[in-house]
Protein backbone atom coordinates (compact mmCIF):
# COMPACT_ATOMS: atom_id res chain seq x y z
CA MET A 1 0.00 0.00 0.00
CA LYS A 2 1.40 3.40 -0.92
CA LYS A 3 2.23 5.67 1.98
CA ASP A 4 -0.11 8.43 0.80
CA GLN A 5 -3.26 6.29 0.71
CA TYR A 6 -4.29 6.14 4.34
CA PHE A 7 -3.97 7.41 7.92
CA ASN A 8 -4.88 5.83 11.27
CA LEU A 9 -8.46 6.32 12.49
CA GLU A 10 -8.53 5.49 16.20
CA VAL A 11 -11.43 3.34 17.44
CA ASN A 12 -12.02 5.61 20.46
CA LEU A 13 -12.39 8.71 18.29
CA LEU A 14 -16.03 9.23 19.31
CA ASN A 15 -15.03 9.46 22.99
CA ASP A 16 -13.39 12.84 22.39
CA ASP A 17 -15.35 15.57 24.23
CA ASN A 18 -15.20 18.01 21.31
CA ILE A 19 -16.51 15.43 18.85
CA ALA A 20 -19.25 14.42 21.28
CA SER A 21 -20.26 18.09 21.60
CA MET A 22 -20.30 18.48 17.81
CA MET A 23 -22.49 15.41 17.34
CA SER A 24 -24.94 16.54 20.03
CA GLU A 25 -25.42 20.01 18.54
CA MET A 26 -25.55 19.01 14.87
CA ASN A 27 -26.80 16.11 12.79
CA ALA A 28 -24.42 13.49 14.19
CA ALA A 29 -23.83 11.47 11.00
CA GLU A 30 -23.45 14.54 8.80
CA ALA A 31 -21.11 16.29 11.24
CA LEU A 32 -18.88 13.22 11.64
CA GLY A 33 -18.77 12.75 7.87
CA ILE A 34 -17.71 16.38 7.36
CA TYR A 35 -15.02 16.01 10.03
CA VAL A 36 -13.53 12.93 8.32
CA MET A 37 -13.83 14.69 4.94
CA LEU A 38 -11.72 17.59 6.25
CA LEU A 39 -9.15 15.15 7.69
CA LEU A 40 -8.89 13.41 4.32
CA HIS A 41 -8.46 16.77 2.63
CA LEU A 42 -5.61 17.69 5.00
CA ARG A 43 -4.03 14.24 4.51
CA THR A 44 -3.46 14.97 0.82
CA LYS A 45 -1.37 18.04 1.67
CA ASP A 46 2.40 17.72 2.06
CA THR A 47 2.47 19.55 5.43
CA TYR A 48 -1.06 18.44 6.51
CA GLU A 49 -2.20 22.06 6.29
CA ALA A 50 -4.80 23.53 3.91
CA SER A 51 -6.48 26.82 3.07
CA CYS A 52 -9.78 27.75 4.75
CA LYS A 53 -10.70 30.62 2.43
CA PRO A 54 -14.49 30.90 2.02
CA VAL A 55 -14.35 30.32 -1.75
CA LEU A 56 -12.38 27.08 -1.33
CA LEU A 57 -14.65 25.80 1.46
CA LYS A 58 -17.70 26.60 -0.67
CA ALA A 59 -16.20 24.68 -3.60
CA MET A 60 -15.44 21.73 -1.31
CA ALA A 61 -18.99 21.73 0.09
CA ARG A 62 -20.49 21.69 -3.40
CA ARG A 63 -18.13 18.96 -4.58
CA TYR A 64 -19.18 16.62 -1.76
CA ASP A 65 -22.81 17.84 -1.69
CA VAL A 66 -22.79 18.99 1.93
CA ASP A 67 -24.04 22.16 3.58
CA GLU A 68 -21.44 24.94 3.53
CA VAL A 69 -22.59 26.33 6.89
CA ALA A 70 -22.23 22.88 8.45
CA VAL A 71 -18.66 22.68 7.10
CA GLU A 72 -17.90 26.08 8.67
CA ARG A 73 -19.36 24.98 12.02
CA VAL A 74 -17.35 21.75 12.15
CA LEU A 75 -14.21 23.67 11.18
CA ARG A 76 -14.56 26.56 13.64
CA GLU A 77 -16.92 25.89 16.55
CA PHE A 78 -15.72 22.73 18.33
CA ASP A 79 -11.92 23.14 18.69
CA LEU A 80 -11.30 20.20 16.36
CA PHE A 81 -8.95 22.16 14.09
CA GLU A 82 -6.25 24.77 14.55
CA LEU A 83 -6.95 27.89 12.48
CA ASP A 84 -4.49 30.57 11.44
CA GLU A 85 -6.86 33.42 10.59
CA GLU A 86 -4.06 35.67 9.38
CA ARG A 87 -2.85 33.16 6.79
CA GLN A 88 -6.36 31.64 6.36
CA MET A 89 -5.00 28.11 6.86
CA PHE A 90 -6.08 25.23 9.09
CA ARG A 91 -4.66 21.93 10.35
CA SER A 92 -5.65 19.10 12.71
CA SER A 93 -3.76 18.22 15.89
CA TYR A 94 -5.31 14.73 15.70
CA LEU A 95 -3.98 14.15 12.17
CA ASP A 96 -0.57 15.57 13.11
CA ARG A 97 -0.37 13.14 16.03
CA VAL A 98 -1.38 9.96 14.19
CA MET A 99 0.76 10.83 11.17
CA LYS A 100 3.78 11.45 13.39
CA SER A 101 3.44 7.94 14.83
CA LEU A 102 2.90 6.49 11.35
CA GLU A 103 5.93 8.26 9.89
CA GLU A 104 8.15 7.18 12.79
CA LYS A 105 7.08 3.56 12.30
CA ARG A 106 7.66 3.82 8.55
CA LYS A 107 11.11 5.29 9.11
CA MET A 108 12.00 2.47 11.49
CA ASP A 109 10.77 -0.12 8.97
CA ILE A 110 12.95 1.45 6.29
CA GLU A 111 15.97 1.31 8.57
CA ASN A 112 15.26 -2.33 9.40
CA GLY A 113 14.77 -3.37 5.79
CA LYS A 114 12.49 -2.66 2.84
CA LYS A 115 10.18 -5.60 3.62
CA GLY A 116 9.87 -4.83 7.33
CA GLY A 117 11.87 -6.34 10.16
CA ARG A 118 15.62 -6.87 10.14
CA PRO A 119 17.04 -8.54 7.03
CA LYS A 120 18.00 -12.17 7.42
CA LYS A 121 21.67 -13.00 7.41
CA VAL A 122 22.79 -15.00 4.41
CA ALA A 123 25.89 -17.06 3.87
CA LYS A 124 28.73 -15.28 2.13
CA SER A 125 28.76 -17.97 -0.51
CA ALA A 126 25.08 -17.35 -1.34
CA GLU A 127 25.88 -14.71 -3.94
CA THR A 128 28.82 -13.71 -6.07
CA PRO A 129 29.85 -10.02 -6.34
CA VAL A 130 29.27 -8.65 -9.80
CA SER A 131 32.42 -6.60 -9.45
CA LYS A 132 34.48 -9.78 -9.87
CA GLY A 133 33.25 -10.18 -13.43
CA ARG A 134 30.92 -13.10 -12.71
CA LYS A 135 27.23 -13.34 -13.53
CA PRO A 136 24.88 -11.73 -10.95
CA THR A 137 23.01 -14.09 -8.64
CA GLU A 138 19.22 -14.28 -8.31
CA ASN A 139 19.36 -12.19 -5.11
CA GLN A 140 21.39 -9.49 -6.82
CA LYS A 141 19.00 -9.42 -9.77
CA ARG A 142 16.00 -9.17 -7.47
CA ARG A 143 17.54 -6.28 -5.46
CA GLU A 144 18.44 -4.41 -8.64
CA GLU A 145 14.88 -4.80 -9.94
CA GLU A 146 13.40 -3.68 -6.59
CA SER A 147 15.68 -0.63 -6.57
CA LYS A 148 14.60 0.32 -10.09
CA GLU A 149 10.91 -0.15 -9.17
CA GLU A 150 11.30 2.09 -6.10
CA GLU A 151 12.92 4.84 -8.18
CA SER A 152 10.20 4.53 -10.82
CA LYS A 153 7.43 4.71 -8.19
CA GLU A 154 8.97 7.82 -6.61
CA GLU A 155 9.11 9.59 -9.98
CA GLU A 156 5.50 8.61 -10.78
CA SER A 157 4.37 9.73 -7.33
CA LYS A 158 5.98 13.17 -7.73
CA GLY A 159 4.40 13.60 -11.15
CA SER A 160 0.94 12.46 -10.02
CA VAL A 161 0.99 14.74 -6.96
CA SER A 162 1.86 17.69 -9.18
CA VAL A 163 -0.98 16.89 -11.59
CA VAL A 164 -3.49 16.31 -8.76
CA ASN A 165 -2.56 19.59 -7.08
CA ASN A 166 -2.94 21.48 -10.33
CA ASN A 167 -6.32 19.87 -10.99
CA ARG A 168 -7.48 20.53 -7.45
CA SER A 169 -6.46 24.19 -7.75
CA ASN A 170 -8.51 24.48 -10.92
CA ILE A 171 -11.51 22.82 -9.29
CA GLU A 172 -11.44 24.76 -6.03
CA THR A 173 -11.16 28.22 -7.61
CA PRO A 174 -13.70 28.27 -10.45
CA SER A 175 -14.24 31.57 -12.16
CA LEU A 176 -17.27 33.61 -11.22
CA VAL A 177 -18.70 33.23 -14.72
CA SER A 178 -18.49 29.42 -14.59
CA ARG A 179 -20.11 29.34 -11.14
CA LEU A 180 -22.94 31.53 -12.35
CA ALA A 181 -23.39 29.30 -15.38
CA ASP A 182 -23.52 26.21 -13.17
CA GLU A 183 -26.26 27.75 -11.03
CA GLY A 184 -28.60 27.84 -13.96
CA ASN A 185 -27.59 27.44 -17.57
CA HIS A 186 -31.12 27.81 -18.88
CA GLY A 187 -31.20 31.61 -18.73
CA PRO A 188 -29.01 34.70 -19.00
CA LEU A 189 -26.38 35.43 -16.34
CA GLN A 190 -27.64 37.62 -13.51
CA PRO A 191 -25.53 40.19 -11.61
CA VAL A 192 -24.32 39.11 -8.18
CA LEU A 193 -25.93 41.31 -5.53
CA PRO A 194 -24.13 42.35 -2.33
CA TRP A 195 -24.82 39.92 0.48
CA GLU A 196 -26.52 42.69 2.51
CA LYS A 197 -29.19 43.03 -0.17
CA LEU A 198 -29.61 39.24 -0.31
CA VAL A 199 -30.25 39.24 3.44
CA ASP A 200 -32.80 42.06 3.07
CA GLN A 201 -34.58 40.01 0.40
CA LEU A 202 -35.25 37.22 2.92
CA SER A 203 -38.25 39.19 4.23
CA THR A 204 -39.84 38.95 0.76
CA PHE A 205 -39.82 35.14 0.86
CA GLN A 206 -42.91 34.85 3.07
CA SER A 207 -43.31 31.07 2.94
CA TYR A 208 -39.64 30.52 3.68
CA MET A 209 -39.65 32.95 6.62
CA GLU A 210 -42.76 31.32 8.12
CA LEU A 211 -41.14 27.90 7.90
CA ALA A 212 -37.84 29.20 9.28
CA GLY A 213 -39.68 30.82 12.19
CA GLN A 214 -41.42 27.55 13.04
CA HIS A 215 -38.10 25.70 13.19
CA SER A 216 -36.35 28.43 15.19
CA GLY A 217 -38.30 27.96 18.41
CA LEU A 218 -38.40 31.75 18.84
CA GLY A 219 -42.19 31.87 18.46
CA LYS A 220 -43.73 35.35 18.72
CA LEU A 221 -40.28 36.92 19.01
CA PHE A 222 -39.57 35.86 15.43
CA VAL A 223 -42.99 36.91 14.10
CA ASP A 224 -42.89 40.40 15.65
CA HIS A 225 -39.25 41.28 15.13
CA GLN A 226 -38.13 39.86 11.79
CA GLU A 227 -36.53 43.13 10.70
CA LEU A 228 -34.46 43.34 13.88
CA ILE A 229 -33.50 39.65 13.58
CA LEU A 230 -32.19 40.24 10.06
CA GLU A 231 -30.12 43.19 11.30
CA ILE A 232 -28.62 41.02 14.05
CA PHE A 233 -27.97 38.33 11.41
CA LYS A 234 -26.02 40.89 9.36
CA LYS A 235 -23.87 41.75 12.38
CA HIS A 236 -23.14 38.03 12.81
CA ILE A 237 -22.03 37.74 9.16
CA ARG A 238 -19.73 40.76 9.51
CA LEU A 239 -18.29 39.50 12.80
CA TYR A 240 -17.31 36.12 11.33
CA ASP A 241 -16.48 37.52 7.86
CA LYS A 242 -18.88 35.20 6.01
CA GLY A 243 -20.06 37.68 3.38
CA ALA A 244 -17.63 36.51 0.69
CA GLY A 245 -19.29 33.09 0.56
CA LEU A 246 -22.86 34.41 0.19
CA LEU A 247 -23.30 34.85 -3.55
CA PHE A 248 -26.87 33.67 -4.18
CA PRO A 249 -30.23 33.76 -2.35
CA GLU A 250 -29.94 30.00 -1.75
CA ASP A 251 -26.63 30.55 0.07
CA VAL A 252 -28.22 33.12 2.38
CA LYS A 253 -31.28 30.95 3.06
CA ARG A 254 -29.12 27.93 3.89
CA TYR A 255 -26.90 29.97 6.23
CA PHE A 256 -29.89 31.69 7.89
CA SER A 257 -31.66 28.34 8.46
CA ASN A 258 -28.62 26.98 10.28
CA TYR A 259 -28.16 30.27 12.14
CA ILE A 260 -31.65 30.16 13.71
CA ALA A 261 -31.94 26.37 14.05
CA ALA A 262 -33.59 25.54 17.39
CA GLY A 263 -31.09 24.44 20.01
CA SER A 264 -28.04 25.77 18.17
CA VAL A 265 -25.47 28.04 19.81
CA THR A 266 -26.20 30.80 17.31
CA CYS A 267 -29.96 30.64 17.98
CA ARG A 268 -29.39 30.96 21.73
CA THR A 269 -27.08 33.92 21.12
CA LEU A 270 -29.68 35.48 18.82
CA ARG A 271 -32.41 35.15 21.47
CA GLU A 272 -30.20 36.80 24.11
CA THR A 273 -29.19 39.62 21.76
CA LEU A 274 -32.78 40.15 20.63
CA LEU A 275 -34.13 40.36 24.20
CA LYS A 276 -31.34 42.76 25.13
CA GLU A 277 -32.08 45.01 22.14
CA LEU A 278 -35.80 45.03 22.99
CA GLU A 279 -35.09 45.77 26.64
CA ASN A 280 -33.00 48.78 25.65
CA THR A 281 -35.79 50.21 23.48
CA VAL A 282 -38.93 49.32 25.42
CA ASP A 283 -38.82 52.33 27.77
CA LYS A 284 -38.12 54.72 24.93
CA ASP A 285 -40.94 53.51 22.68
CA VAL A 286 -44.25 55.08 23.65
CA ASN A 287 -45.93 53.19 20.81
CA ARG A 288 -44.71 49.77 21.92
CA PHE A 289 -48.26 48.42 22.43
CA GLU A 290 -49.37 49.37 18.94
CA SER A 291 -49.91 46.93 16.11
CA VAL A 292 -50.21 47.41 12.36
CA VAL A 293 -53.17 45.72 10.66
CA ASP A 294 -53.52 46.05 6.88
CA GLY A 295 -51.12 48.97 7.00
CA ARG A 296 -53.12 50.85 9.68
CA ARG A 297 -51.98 51.50 13.26
CA THR A 298 -54.11 49.99 16.04
CA TYR A 299 -53.88 49.95 19.85
CA LEU A 300 -55.50 47.03 21.67
CA GLY A 301 -57.87 46.65 18.72
CA HIS A 302 -58.68 50.38 18.47
CA PRO A 303 -57.80 51.96 15.08
CA ILE A 304 -55.62 55.07 15.21
CA PRO A 305 -56.24 57.73 12.52
CA VAL A 306 -53.33 58.71 10.34
CA ASP A 307 -53.62 62.36 11.43
CA ALA A 308 -53.90 61.53 15.16
CA PRO A 309 -51.48 63.49 17.38
CA PRO A 310 -48.71 61.58 19.18
CA ARG A 311 -49.87 59.50 22.14
CA PRO A 312 -49.35 61.53 25.33
CA ASP A 313 -48.26 58.47 27.31
CA ALA A 314 -48.00 54.68 26.98
CA SER A 315 -51.47 53.94 28.44
CA ALA A 316 -53.52 56.39 26.31
CA VAL A 317 -56.23 54.94 24.00
CA TRP A 318 -57.68 56.71 20.97
CA ASP A 319 -61.38 57.48 21.34
CA ASP A 320 -62.84 57.44 17.83
CA VAL A 321 -66.03 59.21 19.06
CA LYS A 322 -64.31 62.06 20.90
CA LYS A 323 -61.45 62.09 18.36
CA ARG A 324 -58.82 62.36 21.05
CA TRP A 325 -56.62 60.31 23.38
CA VAL A 326 -58.29 59.10 26.59
CA HIS A 327 -57.43 56.80 29.49
């Protein structure tokens, strides 16, 4: 078996606290599959280190048909990988450890003999030196052939690695035009909107927002404060620098669905931020008990005329007969 075809997967891997946390907060099978996928990706690199640029992660997610947001969560949220944000690279301490043991064992095997173990001692009369002008023995022929095969394999390996790396580079960094064409080659290319506008457009997808709200567990908070939730979502995107990977409405929907998924860390953070924002504004908003029905302001079921003066205090009710605020 070639040395670049495998790495050790320990049987007690699932006992790791970080992996257990990941599997409890996400779809266990999907999360574990993404984790192994990232390990395999690192294993193909010479230094077991790879780029974590958003465009490359997005290309990887599409290639293996997995959710990009789930890939980001596995990579960043559970301390399973070491990230260098300045260089935008990542590596795995687990892979480094098992590969170190594997390489040390391989080195020892090489020192002890090509076939493993120490070479057997042979009688001096078992072979005749070629340097004396005699015909080479079977052992000498076999060793010469093995040496030539090793050299040939090393040359082929270097060439194949170069070709694979070049192909991978071409796959992982497709041009914008080709990505747009892949999204839908049955119509003309559409301009790519800024991710902020794509987030604003979420409020226009009524069916999607209703379904997302049902799965968020936020209940009335989601129904009454969608605009504020989208603003908090934008702050989250800026904080984690995710805007570069949000090119299409489907990307934003997929990311938002994972962001507000019930029980997730991000959903809990959203609820806390939302309640804090509302608490800061509740005392300043004298119209906080108003509702809007069919575009018209109402207070506890009482319509408020468009030309009505400002409410004098938070408990005032509009009297449609007296045409003034009363208590």
